[in-house]
PDB file of N, CA and C in Angstrom:
ATOM      1  N   MET A   1      88.784  57.213  99.649  1.00  0.00           N
ATOM      2  CA  MET A   1      88.080  58.136  98.783  1.00  0.00           C
ATOM      3  C   MET A   1      87.651  59.384  99.559  1.00  0.00           C
ATOM      4  N   LYS A   2      87.159  59.187 100.765  1.00  0.00           N
ATOM      5  CA  LYS A   2      86.720  60.320 101.579  1.00  0.00           C
ATOM      6  C   LYS A   2      87.905  61.228 101.887  1.00  0.00           C
ATOM      7  N   ARG A   3      89.057  60.665 102.092  1.00  0.00           N
ATOM      8  CA  ARG A   3      90.254  61.432 102.410  1.00  0.00           C
ATOM      9  C   ARG A   3      90.634  62.350 101.231  1.00  0.00           C
ATOM     10  N   ARG A   4      90.497  61.842 100.003  1.00  0.00           N
ATOM     11  CA  ARG A   4      90.777  62.661  98.826  1.00  0.00           C
ATOM     12  C   ARG A   4      89.814  63.843  98.737  1.00  0.00           C
ATOM     13  N   TRP A   5      88.553  63.574  99.025  1.00  0.00           N
ATOM     14  CA  TRP A   5      87.537  64.625  98.974  1.00  0.00           C
ATOM     15  C   TRP A   5      87.837  65.728  99.996  1.00  0.00           C
ATOM     16  N   VAL A   6      88.224  65.335 101.188  1.00  0.00           N
ATOM     17  CA  VAL A   6      88.565  66.308 102.232  1.00  0.00           C
ATOM     18  C   VAL A   6      89.793  67.114 101.811  1.00  0.00           C
ATOM     19  N   LEU A   7      90.789  66.456 101.254  1.00  0.00           N
ATOM     20  CA  LEU A   7      92.006  67.131 100.815  1.00  0.00           C
ATOM     21  C   LEU A   7      91.691  68.108  99.679  1.00  0.00           C
ATOM     22  N   LEU A   8      90.906  67.674  98.714  1.00  0.00           N
ATOM     23  CA  LEU A   8      90.517  68.541  97.610  1.00  0.00           C
ATOM     24  C   LEU A   8      89.731  69.755  98.108  1.00  0.00           C
ATOM     25  N   SER A   9      88.827  69.556  99.045  1.00  0.00           N
ATOM     26  CA  SER A   9      88.052  70.658  99.618  1.00  0.00           C
ATOM     27  C   SER A   9      88.970  71.643 100.332  1.00  0.00           C
ATOM     28  N   TYR A  10      89.922  71.151 101.079  1.00  0.00           N
ATOM     29  CA  TYR A  10      90.854  71.986 101.814  1.00  0.00           C
ATOM     30  C   TYR A  10      91.689  72.831 100.853  1.00  0.00           C
ATOM     31  N   ILE A  11      92.186  72.235  99.786  1.00  0.00           N
ATOM     32  CA  ILE A  11      92.999  72.954  98.802  1.00  0.00           C
ATOM     33  C   ILE A  11      92.165  74.028  98.109  1.00  0.00           C
ATOM     34  N   THR A  12      90.920  73.709  97.801  1.00  0.00           N
ATOM     35  CA  THR A  12      90.034  74.674  97.158  1.00  0.00           C
ATOM     36  C   THR A  12      89.795  75.884  98.051  1.00  0.00           C
ATOM     37  N   VAL A  13      89.555  75.645  99.324  1.00  0.00           N
ATOM     38  CA  VAL A  13      89.330  76.745 100.269  1.00  0.00           C
ATOM     39  C   VAL A  13      90.581  77.611 100.376  1.00  0.00           C
ATOM     40  N   LEU A  14      91.751  77.002 100.433  1.00  0.00           N
ATOM     41  CA  LEU A  14      92.989  77.775 100.506  1.00  0.00           C
ATOM     42  C   LEU A  14      93.194  78.617  99.250  1.00  0.00           C
ATOM     43  N   ALA A  15      92.925  78.035  98.093  1.00  0.00           N
ATOM     44  CA  ALA A  15      93.095  78.766  96.840  1.00  0.00           C
ATOM     45  C   ALA A  15      92.127  79.944  96.760  1.00  0.00           C
ATOM     46  N   MET A  16      90.890  79.741  97.165  1.00  0.00           N
ATOM     47  CA  MET A  16      89.892  80.804  97.085  1.00  0.00           C
ATOM     48  C   MET A  16      90.156  81.921  98.080  1.00  0.00           C
ATOM     49  N   SER A  17      90.800  81.635  99.179  1.00  0.00           N
ATOM     50  CA  SER A  17      91.046  82.671 100.181  1.00  0.00           C
ATOM     51  C   SER A  17      91.989  83.747  99.661  1.00  0.00           C
ATOM     52  N   GLY A  18      92.784  83.453  98.633  1.00  0.00           N
ATOM     53  CA  GLY A  18      93.669  84.444  98.052  1.00  0.00           C
ATOM     54  C   GLY A  18      93.001  85.301  96.999  1.00  0.00           C
ATOM     55  N   CYS A  19      91.740  85.043  96.684  1.00  0.00           N
ATOM     56  CA  CYS A  19      91.051  85.763  95.617  1.00  0.00           C
ATOM     57  C   CYS A  19      90.219  86.937  96.109  1.00  0.00           C
ATOM     58  N   TYR A  20      89.957  87.038  97.390  1.00  0.00           N
ATOM     59  CA  TYR A  20      89.068  88.067  97.919  1.00  0.00           C
ATOM     60  C   TYR A  20      89.682  88.717  99.144  1.00  0.00           C
ATOM     61  N   GLY A  21      89.203  89.904  99.448  1.00  0.00           N
ATOM     62  CA  GLY A  21      89.584  90.569 100.688  1.00  0.00           C
ATOM     63  C   GLY A  21      90.830  91.416 100.561  1.00  0.00           C
ATOM     64  N   PRO A  22      91.299  91.953 101.685  1.00  0.00           N
ATOM     65  CA  PRO A  22      92.405  92.895 101.667  1.00  0.00           C
ATOM     66  C   PRO A  22      93.738  92.292 101.242  1.00  0.00           C
ATOM     67  N   GLU A  23      93.867  90.981 101.280  1.00  0.00           N
ATOM     68  CA  GLU A  23      95.107  90.333 100.877  1.00  0.00           C
ATOM     69  C   GLU A  23      95.008  89.691  99.503  1.00  0.00           C
ATOM     70  N   SER A  24      93.972  90.019  98.735  1.00  0.00           N
ATOM     71  CA  SER A  24      93.813  89.438  97.408  1.00  0.00           C
ATOM     72  C   SER A  24      94.891  89.975  96.467  1.00  0.00           C
ATOM     73  N   LEU A  25      95.126  89.267  95.377  1.00  0.00           N
ATOM     74  CA  LEU A  25      96.150  89.691  94.421  1.00  0.00           C
ATOM     75  C   LEU A  25      95.813  91.041  93.798  1.00  0.00           C
ATOM     76  N   GLY A  26      94.537  91.275  93.475  1.00  0.00           N
ATOM     77  CA  GLY A  26      94.148  92.558  92.906  1.00  0.00           C
ATOM     78  C   GLY A  26      94.392  93.700  93.862  1.00  0.00           C
ATOM     79  N   ASN A  27      94.087  93.475  95.121  1.00  0.00           N
ATOM     80  CA  ASN A  27      94.288  94.505  96.132  1.00  0.00           C
ATOM     81  C   ASN A  27      95.769  94.802  96.307  1.00  0.00           C
ATOM     82  N   ARG A  28      96.583  93.769  96.268  1.00  0.00           N
ATOM     83  CA  ARG A  28      98.026  93.971  96.424  1.00  0.00           C
ATOM     84  C   ARG A  28      98.594  94.795  95.283  1.00  0.00           C
ATOM     85  N   SER A  29      98.152  94.535  94.045  1.00  0.00           N
ATOM     86  CA  SER A  29      98.680  95.319  92.920  1.00  0.00           C
ATOM     87  C   SER A  29      98.178  96.764  92.975  1.00  0.00           C
ATOM     88  N   ASP A  30      96.949  96.972  93.466  1.00  0.00           N
ATOM     89  CA  ASP A  30      96.446  98.334  93.665  1.00  0.00           C
ATOM     90  C   ASP A  30      97.374  99.109  94.592  1.00  0.00           C
ATOM     91  N   TRP A  31      97.649  98.520  95.746  1.00  0.00           N
ATOM     92  CA  TRP A  31      98.496  99.194  96.730  1.00  0.00           C
ATOM     93  C   TRP A  31      99.917  99.372  96.219  1.00  0.00           C
ATOM     94  N   ALA A  32     100.431  98.396  95.474  1.00  0.00           N
ATOM     95  CA  ALA A  32     101.791  98.502  94.939  1.00  0.00           C
ATOM     96  C   ALA A  32     101.903  99.680  93.977  1.00  0.00           C
ATOM     97  N   ALA A  33     100.911  99.862  93.116  1.00  0.00           N
ATOM     98  CA  ALA A  33     100.932 100.988  92.182  1.00  0.00           C
ATOM     99  C   ALA A  33     100.886 102.312  92.938  1.00  0.00           C
ATOM    100  N   LEU A  34     100.027 102.387  93.930  1.00  0.00           N
ATOM    101  CA  LEU A  34      99.887 103.617  94.712  1.00  0.00           C
ATOM    102  C   LEU A  34     101.152 103.912  95.512  1.00  0.00           C
ATOM    103  N   GLN A  35     101.746 102.894  96.117  1.00  0.00           N
ATOM    104  CA  GLN A  35     102.978 103.079  96.882  1.00  0.00           C
ATOM    105  C   GLN A  35     104.130 103.506  95.983  1.00  0.00           C
ATOM    106  N   GLY A  36     104.179 102.961  94.769  1.00  0.00           N
ATOM    107  CA  GLY A  36     105.237 103.336  93.837  1.00  0.00           C
ATOM    108  C   GLY A  36     105.174 104.812  93.473  1.00  0.00           C
ATOM    109  N   VAL A  37     103.976 105.307  93.183  1.00  0.00           N
ATOM    110  CA  VAL A  37     103.805 106.731  92.847  1.00  0.00           C
ATOM    111  C   VAL A  37     104.177 107.598  94.048  1.00  0.00           C
ATOM    112  N   GLU A  38     103.688 107.236  95.212  1.00  0.00           N
ATOM    113  CA  GLU A  38     103.975 108.035  96.415  1.00  0.00           C
ATOM    114  C   GLU A  38     105.482 108.091  96.666  1.00  0.00           C
ATOM    115  N   TYR A  39     106.166 106.977  96.536  1.00  0.00           N
ATOM    116  CA  TYR A  39     107.606 106.931  96.796  1.00  0.00           C
ATOM    117  C   TYR A  39     108.392 107.745  95.762  1.00  0.00           C
ATOM    118  N   GLU A  40     108.062 107.564  94.479  1.00  0.00           N
ATOM    119  CA  GLU A  40     108.802 108.238  93.411  1.00  0.00           C
ATOM    120  C   GLU A  40     108.592 109.749  93.420  1.00  0.00           C
ATOM    121  N   ARG A  41     107.445 110.213  93.894  1.00  0.00           N
ATOM    122  CA  ARG A  41     107.121 111.642  93.830  1.00  0.00           C
ATOM    123  C   ARG A  41     107.017 112.284  95.209  1.00  0.00           C
ATOM    124  N   ARG A  42     107.602 111.648  96.182  1.00  0.00           N
ATOM    125  CA  ARG A  42     107.526 112.133  97.561  1.00  0.00           C
ATOM    126  C   ARG A  42     108.086 113.543  97.707  1.00  0.00           C
ATOM    127  N   ALA A  43     109.165 113.868  96.997  1.00  0.00           N
ATOM    128  CA  ALA A  43     109.807 115.177  97.136  1.00  0.00           C
ATOM    129  C   ALA A  43     109.125 116.254  96.285  1.00  0.00           C
ATOM    130  N   GLN A  44     108.282 115.859  95.355  1.00  0.00           N
ATOM    131  CA  GLN A  44     107.600 116.814  94.478  1.00  0.00           C
ATOM    132  C   GLN A  44     106.479 117.519  95.239  1.00  0.00           C
ATOM    133  N   VAL A  45     106.428 118.831  95.120  1.00  0.00           N
ATOM    134  CA  VAL A  45     105.369 119.610  95.744  1.00  0.00           C
ATOM    135  C   VAL A  45     104.383 120.018  94.653  1.00  0.00           C
ATOM    136  N   LEU A  46     103.164 119.575  94.783  1.00  0.00           N
ATOM    137  CA  LEU A  46     102.140 119.902  93.797  1.00  0.00           C
ATOM    138  C   LEU A  46     101.475 121.225  94.132  1.00  0.00           C
ATOM    139  N   GLY A  47     101.276 122.051  93.121  1.00  0.00           N
ATOM    140  CA  GLY A  47     100.558 123.306  93.318  1.00  0.00           C
ATOM    141  C   GLY A  47      99.068 123.139  93.085  1.00  0.00           C
ATOM    142  N   ALA A  48      98.723 122.107  92.334  1.00  0.00           N
ATOM    143  CA  ALA A  48      97.324 121.819  92.003  1.00  0.00           C
ATOM    144  C   ALA A  48      97.194 120.313  91.768  1.00  0.00           C
ATOM    145  N   PRO A  49      95.995 119.783  91.843  1.00  0.00           N
ATOM    146  CA  PRO A  49      95.808 118.349  91.609  1.00  0.00           C
ATOM    147  C   PRO A  49      96.234 117.937  90.196  1.00  0.00           C
ATOM    148  N   VAL A  50      96.773 116.731  90.098  1.00  0.00           N
ATOM    149  CA  VAL A  50      97.174 116.157  88.815  1.00  0.00           C
ATOM    150  C   VAL A  50      96.654 114.725  88.739  1.00  0.00           C
ATOM    151  N   VAL A  51      96.576 114.200  87.526  1.00  0.00           N
ATOM    152  CA  VAL A  51      96.224 112.799  87.324  1.00  0.00           C
ATOM    153  C   VAL A  51      97.358 112.153  86.532  1.00  0.00           C
ATOM    154  N   LEU A  52      97.878 111.059  87.075  1.00  0.00           N
ATOM    155  CA  LEU A  52      98.963 110.328  86.426  1.00  0.00           C
ATOM    156  C   LEU A  52      98.462 108.978  85.949  1.00  0.00           C
ATOM    157  N   LYS A  53      99.025 108.503  84.865  1.00  0.00           N
ATOM    158  CA  LYS A  53      98.736 107.160  84.356  1.00  0.00           C
ATOM    159  C   LYS A  53      99.896 106.275  84.780  1.00  0.00           C
ATOM    160  N   VAL A  54      99.590 105.220  85.528  1.00  0.00           N
ATOM    161  CA  VAL A  54     100.605 104.290  86.008  1.00  0.00           C
ATOM    162  C   VAL A  54     100.168 102.886  85.591  1.00  0.00           C
ATOM    163  N   GLY A  55     100.712 102.390  84.489  1.00  0.00           N
ATOM    164  CA  GLY A  55     100.255 101.106  83.967  1.00  0.00           C
ATOM    165  C   GLY A  55      98.788 101.209  83.605  1.00  0.00           C
ATOM    166  N   ASP A  56      97.979 100.331  84.168  1.00  0.00           N
ATOM    167  CA  ASP A  56      96.535 100.351  83.933  1.00  0.00           C
ATOM    168  C   ASP A  56      95.786 101.250  84.916  1.00  0.00           C
ATOM    169  N   TYR A  57      96.509 101.875  85.815  1.00  0.00           N
ATOM    170  CA  TYR A  57      95.885 102.672  86.864  1.00  0.00           C
ATOM    171  C   TYR A  57      95.934 104.156  86.540  1.00  0.00           C
ATOM    172  N   ARG A  58      94.979 104.878  87.131  1.00  0.00           N
ATOM    173  CA  ARG A  58      94.969 106.335  87.129  1.00  0.00           C
ATOM    174  C   ARG A  58      95.054 106.780  88.579  1.00  0.00           C
ATOM    175  N   VAL A  59      96.033 107.638  88.866  1.00  0.00           N
ATOM    176  CA  VAL A  59      96.290 108.078  90.239  1.00  0.00           C
ATOM    177  C   VAL A  59      96.214 109.601  90.293  1.00  0.00           C
ATOM    178  N   ALA A  60      95.433 110.102  91.241  1.00  0.00           N
ATOM    179  CA  ALA A  60      95.335 111.551  91.438  1.00  0.00           C
ATOM    180  C   ALA A  60      96.308 111.982  92.517  1.00  0.00           C
ATOM    181  N   GLY A  61      97.051 113.028  92.224  1.00  0.00           N
ATOM    182  CA  GLY A  61      97.919 113.660  93.211  1.00  0.00           C
ATOM    183  C   GLY A  61      97.264 114.959  93.644  1.00  0.00           C
ATOM    184  N   ILE A  62      97.097 115.132  94.948  1.00  0.00           N
ATOM    185  CA  ILE A  62      96.386 116.294  95.489  1.00  0.00           C
ATOM    186  C   ILE A  62      97.239 116.902  96.602  1.00  0.00           C
ATOM    187  N   PRO A  63      97.475 118.216  96.569  1.00  0.00           N
ATOM    188  CA  PRO A  63      98.230 118.839  97.665  1.00  0.00           C
ATOM    189  C   PRO A  63      97.489 118.678  98.998  1.00  0.00           C
ATOM    190  N   GLN A  64      98.235 118.377 100.046  1.00  0.00           N
ATOM    191  CA  GLN A  64      97.625 118.274 101.373  1.00  0.00           C
ATOM    192  C   GLN A  64      97.185 119.647 101.861  1.00  0.00           C
ATOM    193  N   SER A  65      96.166 119.651 102.701  1.00  0.00           N
ATOM    194  CA  SER A  65      95.642 120.903 103.249  1.00  0.00           C
ATOM    195  C   SER A  65      96.674 121.654 104.071  1.00  0.00           C
ATOM    196  N   ASN A  66      97.544 120.942 104.757  1.00  0.00           N
ATOM    197  CA  ASN A  66      98.529 121.590 105.623  1.00  0.00           C
ATOM    198  C   ASN A  66      99.848 121.870 104.900  1.00  0.00           C
ATOM    199  N   ALA A  67      99.870 121.713 103.576  1.00  0.00           N
ATOM    200  CA  ALA A  67     101.047 121.990 102.746  1.00  0.00           C
ATOM    201  C   ALA A  67     102.264 121.163 103.157  1.00  0.00           C
ATOM    202  N   GLN A  68     102.054 120.000 103.702  1.00  0.00           N
ATOM    203  CA  GLN A  68     103.150 119.134 104.122  1.00  0.00           C
ATOM    204  C   GLN A  68     103.439 118.015 103.131  1.00  0.00           C
ATOM    205  N   GLY A  69     102.953 118.138 101.932  1.00  0.00           N
ATOM    206  CA  GLY A  69     103.193 117.095 100.940  1.00  0.00           C
ATOM    207  C   GLY A  69     101.942 116.860 100.120  1.00  0.00           C
ATOM    208  N   ASN A  70     101.882 115.682  99.526  1.00  0.00           N
ATOM    209  CA  ASN A  70     100.787 115.359  98.627  1.00  0.00           C
ATOM    210  C   ASN A  70     100.032 114.127  99.103  1.00  0.00           C
ATOM    211  N   ILE A  71      98.794 114.049  98.680  1.00  0.00           N
ATOM    212  CA  ILE A  71      97.958 112.870  98.881  1.00  0.00           C
ATOM    213  C   ILE A  71      97.823 112.214  97.519  1.00  0.00           C
ATOM    214  N   TRP A  72      97.933 110.888  97.486  1.00  0.00           N
ATOM    215  CA  TRP A  72      97.777 110.138  96.246  1.00  0.00           C
ATOM    216  C   TRP A  72      96.582 109.214  96.393  1.00  0.00           C
ATOM    217  N   VAL A  73      95.668 109.286  95.426  1.00  0.00           N
ATOM    218  CA  VAL A  73      94.417 108.513  95.476  1.00  0.00           C
ATOM    219  C   VAL A  73      94.295 107.701  94.198  1.00  0.00           C
ATOM    220  N   LEU A  74      94.003 106.424  94.349  1.00  0.00           N
ATOM    221  CA  LEU A  74      93.783 105.543  93.205  1.00  0.00           C
ATOM    222  C   LEU A  74      92.374 105.775  92.680  1.00  0.00           C
ATOM    223  N   LEU A  75      92.261 106.223  91.427  1.00  0.00           N
ATOM    224  CA  LEU A  75      90.958 106.579  90.860  1.00  0.00           C
ATOM    225  C   LEU A  75      90.199 105.386  90.287  1.00  0.00           C
ATOM    226  N   ASN A  76      90.905 104.350  89.899  1.00  0.00           N
ATOM    227  CA  ASN A  76      90.254 103.184  89.279  1.00  0.00           C
ATOM    228  C   ASN A  76      90.816 101.877  89.844  1.00  0.00           C
ATOM    229  N   PRO A  77      90.514 101.576  91.094  1.00  0.00           N
ATOM    230  CA  PRO A  77      91.056 100.350  91.698  1.00  0.00           C
ATOM    231  C   PRO A  77      90.509  99.103  91.012  1.00  0.00           C
ATOM    232  N   SER A  78      91.341  98.059  90.990  1.00  0.00           N
ATOM    233  CA  SER A  78      90.897  96.800  90.384  1.00  0.00           C
ATOM    234  C   SER A  78      90.264  95.881  91.421  1.00  0.00           C
ATOM    235  N   ALA A  79      90.592  96.073  92.672  1.00  0.00           N
ATOM    236  CA  ALA A  79      90.062  95.210  93.739  1.00  0.00           C
ATOM    237  C   ALA A  79      88.797  95.824  94.332  1.00  0.00           C
ATOM    238  N   ASP A  80      87.999  94.985  94.952  1.00  0.00           N
ATOM    239  CA  ASP A  80      86.728  95.447  95.507  1.00  0.00           C
ATOM    240  C   ASP A  80      86.856  96.102  96.869  1.00  0.00           C
ATOM    241  N   GLU A  81      87.696  95.566  97.727  1.00  0.00           N
ATOM    242  CA  GLU A  81      87.729  96.082  99.092  1.00  0.00           C
ATOM    243  C   GLU A  81      89.146  96.209  99.595  1.00  0.00           C
ATOM    244  N   PRO A  82      89.534  97.246 100.249  1.00  0.00           N
ATOM    245  CA  PRO A  82      88.775  98.485 100.327  1.00  0.00           C
ATOM    246  C   PRO A  82      88.840  99.196  98.987  1.00  0.00           C
ATOM    247  N   LEU A  83      87.781  99.853  98.624  1.00  0.00           N
ATOM    248  CA  LEU A  83      87.690 100.497  97.319  1.00  0.00           C
ATOM    249  C   LEU A  83      88.509 101.780  97.276  1.00  0.00           C
ATOM    250  N   TYR A  84      88.417 102.597  98.309  1.00  0.00           N
ATOM    251  CA  TYR A  84      89.123 103.874  98.349  1.00  0.00           C
ATOM    252  C   TYR A  84      90.516 103.654  98.918  1.00  0.00           C
ATOM    253  N   LYS A  85      91.514 104.014  98.121  1.00  0.00           N
ATOM    254  CA  LYS A  85      92.902 103.838  98.553  1.00  0.00           C
ATOM    255  C   LYS A  85      93.629 105.173  98.446  1.00  0.00           C
ATOM    256  N   GLN A  86      94.213 105.608  99.568  1.00  0.00           N
ATOM    257  CA  GLN A  86      94.889 106.896  99.658  1.00  0.00           C
ATOM    258  C   GLN A  86      96.193 106.728 100.408  1.00  0.00           C
ATOM    259  N   LEU A  87      97.239 107.382  99.927  1.00  0.00           N
ATOM    260  CA  LEU A  87      98.528 107.430 100.623  1.00  0.00           C
ATOM    261  C   LEU A  87      99.067 108.839 100.542  1.00  0.00           C
ATOM    262  N   PRO A  88      99.705 109.330 101.570  1.00  0.00           N
ATOM    263  CA  PRO A  88      99.619 108.894 102.957  1.00  0.00           C
ATOM    264  C   PRO A  88      98.306 109.376 103.567  1.00  0.00           C
ATOM    265  N   ALA A  89      98.113 109.058 104.823  1.00  0.00           N
ATOM    266  CA  ALA A  89      96.939 109.570 105.528  1.00  0.00           C
ATOM    267  C   ALA A  89      97.077 111.081 105.634  1.00  0.00           C
ATOM    268  N   GLY A  90      96.003 111.783 105.496  1.00  0.00           N
ATOM    269  CA  GLY A  90      96.032 113.233 105.586  1.00  0.00           C
ATOM    270  C   GLY A  90      94.750 113.812 105.030  1.00  0.00           C
ATOM    271  N   ASN A  91      94.632 115.128 105.104  1.00  0.00           N
ATOM    272  CA  ASN A  91      93.420 115.791 104.639  1.00  0.00           C
ATOM    273  C   ASN A  91      93.741 116.655 103.427  1.00  0.00           C
ATOM    274  N   TYR A  92      92.741 116.855 102.603  1.00  0.00           N
ATOM    275  CA  TYR A  92      92.871 117.678 101.408  1.00  0.00           C
ATOM    276  C   TYR A  92      91.512 118.246 101.058  1.00  0.00           C
ATOM    277  N   THR A  93      91.532 119.289 100.241  1.00  0.00           N
ATOM    278  CA  THR A  93      90.281 119.856  99.729  1.00  0.00           C
ATOM    279  C   THR A  93      90.388 119.976  98.218  1.00  0.00           C
ATOM    280  N   LEU A  94      89.245 119.889  97.575  1.00  0.00           N
ATOM    281  CA  LEU A  94      89.134 120.015  96.129  1.00  0.00           C
ATOM    282  C   LEU A  94      88.015 120.985  95.805  1.00  0.00           C
ATOM    283  N   THR A  95      88.099 121.598  94.649  1.00  0.00           N
ATOM    284  CA  THR A  95      86.958 122.347  94.139  1.00  0.00           C
ATOM    285  C   THR A  95      86.168 121.394  93.240  1.00  0.00           C
ATOM    286  N   ALA A  96      84.947 121.750  92.949  1.00  0.00           N
ATOM    287  CA  ALA A  96      84.134 120.920  92.053  1.00  0.00           C
ATOM    288  C   ALA A  96      84.778 120.846  90.669  1.00  0.00           C
ATOM    289  N   LYS A  97      85.397 121.926  90.237  1.00  0.00           N
ATOM    290  CA  LYS A  97      86.064 121.952  88.932  1.00  0.00           C
ATOM    291  C   LYS A  97      87.267 121.002  88.908  1.00  0.00           C
ATOM    292  N   GLN A  98      88.045 120.992  89.982  1.00  0.00           N
ATOM    293  CA  GLN A  98      89.187 120.081  90.058  1.00  0.00           C
ATOM    294  C   GLN A  98      88.735 118.627  90.041  1.00  0.00           C
ATOM    295  N   LEU A  99      87.674 118.333  90.767  1.00  0.00           N
ATOM    296  CA  LEU A  99      87.150 116.969  90.788  1.00  0.00           C
ATOM    297  C   LEU A  99      86.664 116.560  89.397  1.00  0.00           C
ATOM    298  N   ALA A 100      85.987 117.448  88.712  1.00  0.00           N
ATOM    299  CA  ALA A 100      85.500 117.147  87.360  1.00  0.00           C
ATOM    300  C   ALA A 100      86.659 116.887  86.395  1.00  0.00           C
ATOM    301  N   ALA A 101      87.793 117.551  86.631  1.00  0.00           N
ATOM    302  CA  ALA A 101      88.962 117.378  85.761  1.00  0.00           C
ATOM    303  C   ALA A 101      89.592 115.991  85.893  1.00  0.00           C
ATOM    304  N   PHE A 102      89.261 115.261  86.944  1.00  0.00           N
ATOM    305  CA  PHE A 102      89.801 113.906  87.105  1.00  0.00           C
ATOM    306  C   PHE A 102      89.237 112.960  86.045  1.00  0.00           C
ATOM    307  N   GLY A 103      88.127 113.316  85.440  1.00  0.00           N
ATOM    308  CA  GLY A 103      87.539 112.463  84.406  1.00  0.00           C
ATOM    309  C   GLY A 103      86.847 111.261  85.005  1.00  0.00           C
ATOM    310  N   SER A 104      86.996 110.130  84.368  1.00  0.00           N
ATOM    311  CA  SER A 104      86.330 108.900  84.794  1.00  0.00           C
ATOM    312  C   SER A 104      86.921 108.386  86.105  1.00  0.00           C
ATOM    313  N   VAL A 105      86.065 108.263  87.108  1.00  0.00           N
ATOM    314  CA  VAL A 105      86.485 107.806  88.437  1.00  0.00           C
ATOM    315  C   VAL A 105      85.510 106.729  88.892  1.00  0.00           C
ATOM    316  N   ASP A 106      86.036 105.685  89.524  1.00  0.00           N
ATOM    317  CA  ASP A 106      85.188 104.639  90.070  1.00  0.00           C
ATOM    318  C   ASP A 106      84.126 105.276  90.983  1.00  0.00           C
ATOM    319  N   PRO A 107      82.860 104.834  90.903  1.00  0.00           N
ATOM    320  CA  PRO A 107      81.789 105.459  91.699  1.00  0.00           C
ATOM    321  C   PRO A 107      82.056 105.457  93.211  1.00  0.00           C
ATOM    322  N   GLY A 108      82.619 104.409  93.746  1.00  0.00           N
ATOM    323  CA  GLY A 108      82.921 104.369  95.178  1.00  0.00           C
ATOM    324  C   GLY A 108      84.007 105.359  95.559  1.00  0.00           C
ATOM    325  N   VAL A 109      85.008 105.499  94.713  1.00  0.00           N
ATOM    326  CA  VAL A 109      86.082 106.464  94.947  1.00  0.00           C
ATOM    327  C   VAL A 109      85.531 107.883  94.805  1.00  0.00           C
ATOM    328  N   LEU A 110      84.694 108.089  93.802  1.00  0.00           N
ATOM    329  CA  LEU A 110      84.091 109.406  93.580  1.00  0.00           C
ATOM    330  C   LEU A 110      83.286 109.867  94.800  1.00  0.00           C
ATOM    331  N   ALA A 111      82.574 108.949  95.418  1.00  0.00           N
ATOM    332  CA  ALA A 111      81.797 109.294  96.618  1.00  0.00           C
ATOM    333  C   ALA A 111      82.711 109.798  97.732  1.00  0.00           C
ATOM    334  N   GLN A 112      83.867 109.169  97.881  1.00  0.00           N
ATOM    335  CA  GLN A 112      84.814 109.616  98.913  1.00  0.00           C
ATOM    336  C   GLN A 112      85.447 110.955  98.548  1.00  0.00           C
ATOM    337  N   LEU A 113      85.793 111.131  97.269  1.00  0.00           N
ATOM    338  CA  LEU A 113      86.389 112.400  96.843  1.00  0.00           C
ATOM    339  C   LEU A 113      85.418 113.561  97.035  1.00  0.00           C
ATOM    340  N   ARG A 114      84.140 113.316  96.816  1.00  0.00           N
ATOM    341  CA  ARG A 114      83.132 114.384  96.982  1.00  0.00           C
ATOM    342  C   ARG A 114      83.070 114.900  98.421  1.00  0.00           C
ATOM    343  N   LEU A 115      83.455 114.070  99.366  1.00  0.00           N
ATOM    344  CA  LEU A 115      83.472 114.503 100.767  1.00  0.00           C
ATOM    345  C   LEU A 115      84.498 115.601 101.010  1.00  0.00           C
ATOM    346  N   HIS A 116      85.445 115.753 100.093  1.00  0.00           N
ATOM    347  CA  HIS A 116      86.522 116.741 100.250  1.00  0.00           C
ATOM    348  C   HIS A 116      86.322 117.977  99.390  1.00  0.00           C
ATOM    349  N   VAL A 117      85.187 118.057  98.693  1.00  0.00           N
ATOM    350  CA  VAL A 117      84.922 119.212  97.838  1.00  0.00           C
ATOM    351  C   VAL A 117      84.481 120.391  98.698  1.00  0.00           C
ATOM    352  N   GLN A 118      85.104 121.556  98.438  1.00  0.00           N
ATOM    353  CA  GLN A 118      84.734 122.765  99.170  1.00  0.00           C
ATOM    354  C   GLN A 118      83.335 123.187  98.792  1.00  0.00           C
ATOM    355  N   ARG A 119      82.592 123.660  99.767  1.00  0.00           N
ATOM    356  CA  ARG A 119      81.217 124.120  99.493  1.00  0.00           C
ATOM    357  C   ARG A 119      81.135 125.606  99.575  1.00  0.00           C
TER     358      ARG A 119
END
């Protein structure tokens, strides 16, 4: 009987480990959506920020500061951590008006986007 309890506990811990953290299923689908947009629109040069609807996700495309391509930011991630997801790495700037045009944005993502608003 004790052996069954230990086995059941072990299986439960393994199952729960896939529900949280950077390797959780929600986090994986977040990154997959973001990677898909980045790959499909890699050659497109944006003149101004845009918001795309990708399934249940909203993704912002923002021109990079050095004009070497675009930054893609997930505006409404489904996973908890990490909340802010951006591809590729790089810097960008936004105006307050451009940020407001994004509409509804997750509060954690909004805090990160505000760091890039020109003053």
